[in-house]
Amino acid sequence: MAKKQVKKTEKKVAKKKVAKEVKGVSKDMVLGDIAAKFPDSVPVMFKQGLHCIGCGMVAFETLEQGCQAHGMSDKDIDNMVDEMNKAVEKAKNK
């Protein structure tokens, strides 16, 4: 197998592993991925004044980057991620 093909295969395997390991929202996730995978977390973002779902950066920016752009502290971001994951868990348990 050519070197290029091996690298592509390794990247695909790595992406699949990451996708399987994702159990909740994390601040390093891209905003669009959060909305697609965890829609029950979106109202928490809206409550914090982050209406990022309608923004053009939704496909590129992480939750942390979006929050920082809106002036949120690291502690505020961590608290929001916790709240988002609680909302996701609550929806799962309904």
Foldseek 3Di string as FASTA:
>chain_A
DDPVVVVVVVVVVVVVVVVVPDPAADQQAQQLVCCVVQVLLVVLCVVVVNPPVPPPCSRPDGNNRSCVVVPDDPVRSVVSRVVSRVSSVVVVVD
